[in-house]
Amino acid sequence: MVYHVLGIERFEGVSKKTGKPYDFTRFYSVPSRQPDKVRGVRVENVDVWNGQYAPDISGIHPEDYVDFNFDRRGFVDAVQIVLHRVAYGIFSGFQRQTFMPHILQCNDFF
């Protein structure tokens, strides 16, 4: 499912309950499809455990659109960046204009 990432937070420590260490990254994100019952925007937490077999999440930044793939147990097993925030900024600058080469100018990139 594709999510719009709003924020990223890393958690490391030792569980007070079990005494086992934990290390995961939490993505605060908005799903691309919102249920009809939600008024406004529903923000979800997507947790990715950091470890030897974890997917590469180093290139994800706030404002990126990311496709998180979940395994049958509900853990994230693959991550793919769909649209970077830079490209989104360029395309949103068109303001629903037709995509033509002469519209793209130098100041659209900054």
C-alpha atoms as a PDB file:
ATOM      1  CA  MET A   1       0.000   0.000   0.000  1.00  0.00           C
ATOM      2  CA  VAL A   2       1.279   3.459  -0.870  1.00  0.00           C
ATOM      3  CA  TYR A   3       1.697   5.938   1.989  1.00  0.00           C
ATOM      4  CA  HIS A   4       2.597   9.634   2.115  1.00  0.00           C
ATOM      5  CA  VAL A   5       5.301   9.872   4.808  1.00  0.00           C
ATOM      6  CA  LEU A   6       4.811  12.820   7.162  1.00  0.00           C
ATOM      7  CA  GLY A   7       7.470  12.068   9.770  1.00  0.00           C
ATOM      8  CA  ILE A   8      10.116   9.549  10.803  1.00  0.00           C
ATOM      9  CA  GLU A   9      11.216   8.524  14.307  1.00  0.00           C
ATOM     10  CA  ARG A  10      13.768   5.918  15.408  1.00  0.00           C
ATOM     11  CA  PHE A  11      13.325   3.880  18.598  1.00  0.00           C
ATOM     12  CA  GLU A  12      16.173   2.019  20.310  1.00  0.00           C
ATOM     13  CA  GLY A  13      16.343   0.620  23.799  1.00  0.00           C
ATOM     14  CA  VAL A  14      15.619  -2.278  26.105  1.00  0.00           C
ATOM     15  CA  SER A  15      12.115  -3.406  26.984  1.00  0.00           C
ATOM     16  CA  LYS A  16      11.264  -2.902  30.656  1.00  0.00           C
ATOM     17  CA  LYS A  17       8.808  -5.787  30.484  1.00  0.00           C
ATOM     18  CA  THR A  18      10.910  -8.486  28.784  1.00  0.00           C
ATOM     19  CA  GLY A  19      14.450  -7.125  29.050  1.00  0.00           C
ATOM     20  CA  LYS A  20      15.029  -7.677  25.329  1.00  0.00           C
ATOM     21  CA  PRO A  21      16.514  -4.956  23.116  1.00  0.00           C
ATOM     22  CA  TYR A  22      14.429  -3.315  20.421  1.00  0.00           C
ATOM     23  CA  ASP A  23      15.400  -1.239  17.396  1.00  0.00           C
ATOM     24  CA  PHE A  24      12.838  -0.024  14.880  1.00  0.00           C
ATOM     25  CA  THR A  25      11.921   3.000  12.783  1.00  0.00           C
ATOM     26  CA  ARG A  26       8.388   4.402  12.878  1.00  0.00           C
ATOM     27  CA  PHE A  27       6.946   6.199   9.872  1.00  0.00           C
ATOM     28  CA  TYR A  28       4.030   8.537  10.549  1.00  0.00           C
ATOM     29  CA  SER A  29       2.139   8.395   7.288  1.00  0.00           C
ATOM     30  CA  VAL A  30      -1.157   8.862   5.508  1.00  0.00           C
ATOM     31  CA  PRO A  31      -2.504   5.966   3.419  1.00  0.00           C
ATOM     32  CA  SER A  32      -3.224   6.739  -0.220  1.00  0.00           C
ATOM     33  CA  ARG A  33      -6.790   5.445   0.138  1.00  0.00           C
ATOM     34  CA  GLN A  34      -8.806   6.966   2.986  1.00  0.00           C
ATOM     35  CA  PRO A  35     -11.902   5.185   4.319  1.00  0.00           C
ATOM     36  CA  ASP A  36     -15.231   6.933   3.762  1.00  0.00           C
ATOM     37  CA  LYS A  37     -15.929   7.030   7.516  1.00  0.00           C
ATOM     38  CA  VAL A  38     -12.909   9.250   8.291  1.00  0.00           C
ATOM     39  CA  ARG A  39     -13.485  12.995   8.364  1.00  0.00           C
ATOM     40  CA  GLY A  40     -10.179  14.713   7.666  1.00  0.00           C
ATOM     41  CA  VAL A  41      -7.022  12.618   7.366  1.00  0.00           C
ATOM     42  CA  ARG A  42      -6.164   9.432   9.249  1.00  0.00           C
ATOM     43  CA  VAL A  43      -2.473   9.117  10.138  1.00  0.00           C
ATOM     44  CA  GLU A  44      -1.085   5.614  10.630  1.00  0.00           C
ATOM     45  CA  ASN A  45       2.137   4.346  12.195  1.00  0.00           C
ATOM     46  CA  VAL A  46       4.173   1.960  10.040  1.00  0.00           C
ATOM     47  CA  ASP A  47       6.949   0.276  12.034  1.00  0.00           C
ATOM     48  CA  VAL A  48       9.981  -1.213  10.289  1.00  0.00           C
ATOM     49  CA  TRP A  49      12.251  -3.351  12.474  1.00  0.00           C
ATOM     50  CA  ASN A  50      15.939  -2.626  11.924  1.00  0.00           C
ATOM     51  CA  GLY A  51      18.082  -5.722  11.647  1.00  0.00           C
ATOM     52  CA  GLN A  52      20.006  -8.028   9.416  1.00  0.00           C
ATOM     53  CA  TYR A  53      17.101  -8.861   7.077  1.00  0.00           C
ATOM     54  CA  ALA A  54      15.330  -5.483   7.212  1.00  0.00           C
ATOM     55  CA  PRO A  55      14.527  -3.617   3.993  1.00  0.00           C
ATOM     56  CA  ASP A  56      16.649  -0.584   3.112  1.00  0.00           C
ATOM     57  CA  ILE A  57      14.886   2.516   4.425  1.00  0.00           C
ATOM     58  CA  SER A  58      17.858   4.902   4.297  1.00  0.00           C
ATOM     59  CA  GLY A  59      16.550   6.840   1.286  1.00  0.00           C
ATOM     60  CA  ILE A  60      13.120   7.632   2.730  1.00  0.00           C
ATOM     61  CA  HIS A  61      12.462  11.201   3.860  1.00  0.00           C
ATOM     62  CA  PRO A  62       9.373  13.107   5.004  1.00  0.00           C
ATOM     63  CA  GLU A  63       7.100  14.087   2.101  1.00  0.00           C
ATOM     64  CA  ASP A  64       8.069  10.973   0.075  1.00  0.00           C
ATOM     65  CA  TYR A  65       5.442   8.565  -1.232  1.00  0.00           C
ATOM     66  CA  VAL A  66       6.432   5.022  -0.257  1.00  0.00           C
ATOM     67  CA  ASP A  67       4.987   1.610  -1.080  1.00  0.00           C
ATOM     68  CA  PHE A  68       5.252  -0.617   2.018  1.00  0.00           C
ATOM     69  CA  ASN A  69       4.765  -4.334   1.331  1.00  0.00           C
ATOM     70  CA  PHE A  70       3.668  -6.444   4.282  1.00  0.00           C
ATOM     71  CA  ASP A  71       4.190 -10.163   4.775  1.00  0.00           C
ATOM     72  CA  ARG A  72       1.414 -12.439   6.024  1.00  0.00           C
ATOM     73  CA  ARG A  73       2.362 -11.761   9.662  1.00  0.00           C
ATOM     74  CA  GLY A  74       1.989  -7.995   9.228  1.00  0.00           C
ATOM     75  CA  PHE A  75       5.695  -7.105   9.146  1.00  0.00           C
ATOM     76  CA  VAL A  76       7.173  -4.851   6.459  1.00  0.00           C
ATOM     77  CA  ASP A  77       9.260  -7.026   4.148  1.00  0.00           C
ATOM     78  CA  ALA A  78       9.852  -4.655   1.209  1.00  0.00           C
ATOM     79  CA  VAL A  79       9.917  -0.898   0.681  1.00  0.00           C
ATOM     80  CA  GLN A  80       9.855   1.047  -2.590  1.00  0.00           C
ATOM     81  CA  ILE A  81       9.916   4.826  -2.961  1.00  0.00           C
ATOM     82  CA  VAL A  82       7.198   5.769  -5.422  1.00  0.00           C
ATOM     83  CA  LEU A  83       7.661   9.534  -5.665  1.00  0.00           C
ATOM     84  CA  HIS A  84      10.378  11.646  -4.048  1.00  0.00           C
ATOM     85  CA  ARG A  85       9.499  14.961  -2.464  1.00  0.00           C
ATOM     86  CA  VAL A  86      11.659  16.789  -5.054  1.00  0.00           C
ATOM     87  CA  ALA A  87       9.727  15.381  -8.013  1.00  0.00           C
ATOM     88  CA  TYR A  88       6.442  16.034  -6.229  1.00  0.00           C
ATOM     89  CA  GLY A  89       7.470  19.677  -5.719  1.00  0.00           C
ATOM     90  CA  ILE A  90       8.243  20.073  -9.403  1.00  0.00           C
ATOM     91  CA  PHE A  91       4.979  18.532 -10.578  1.00  0.00           C
ATOM     92  CA  SER A  92       2.863  20.414  -8.039  1.00  0.00           C
ATOM     93  CA  GLY A  93       4.369  23.642  -9.417  1.00  0.00           C
ATOM     94  CA  PHE A  94       2.507  23.059 -12.678  1.00  0.00           C
ATOM     95  CA  GLN A  95      -0.827  23.637 -10.905  1.00  0.00           C
ATOM     96  CA  ARG A  96      -2.815  21.326 -13.170  1.00  0.00           C
ATOM     97  CA  GLN A  97      -1.292  22.692 -16.388  1.00  0.00           C
ATOM     98  CA  THR A  98      -0.637  20.465 -19.361  1.00  0.00           C
ATOM     99  CA  PHE A  99       2.839  18.900 -19.232  1.00  0.00           C
ATOM    100  CA  MET A 100       4.828  20.577 -22.001  1.00  0.00           C
ATOM    101  CA  PRO A 101       8.609  21.068 -22.177  1.00  0.00           C
ATOM    102  CA  HIS A 102       8.406  24.862 -22.408  1.00  0.00           C
ATOM    103  CA  ILE A 103       6.561  25.063 -19.046  1.00  0.00           C
ATOM    104  CA  LEU A 104       9.468  23.530 -17.121  1.00  0.00           C
ATOM    105  CA  GLN A 105      11.813  26.350 -16.196  1.00  0.00           C
ATOM    106  CA  CYS A 106      14.933  26.635 -14.060  1.00  0.00           C
ATOM    107  CA  ASN A 107      13.081  28.044 -11.017  1.00  0.00           C
ATOM    108  CA  ASP A 108      10.823  24.949 -10.920  1.00  0.00           C
ATOM    109  CA  PHE A 109      13.758  22.948  -9.580  1.00  0.00           C
ATOM    110  CA  PHE A 110      14.377  25.083  -6.459  1.00  0.00           C
END
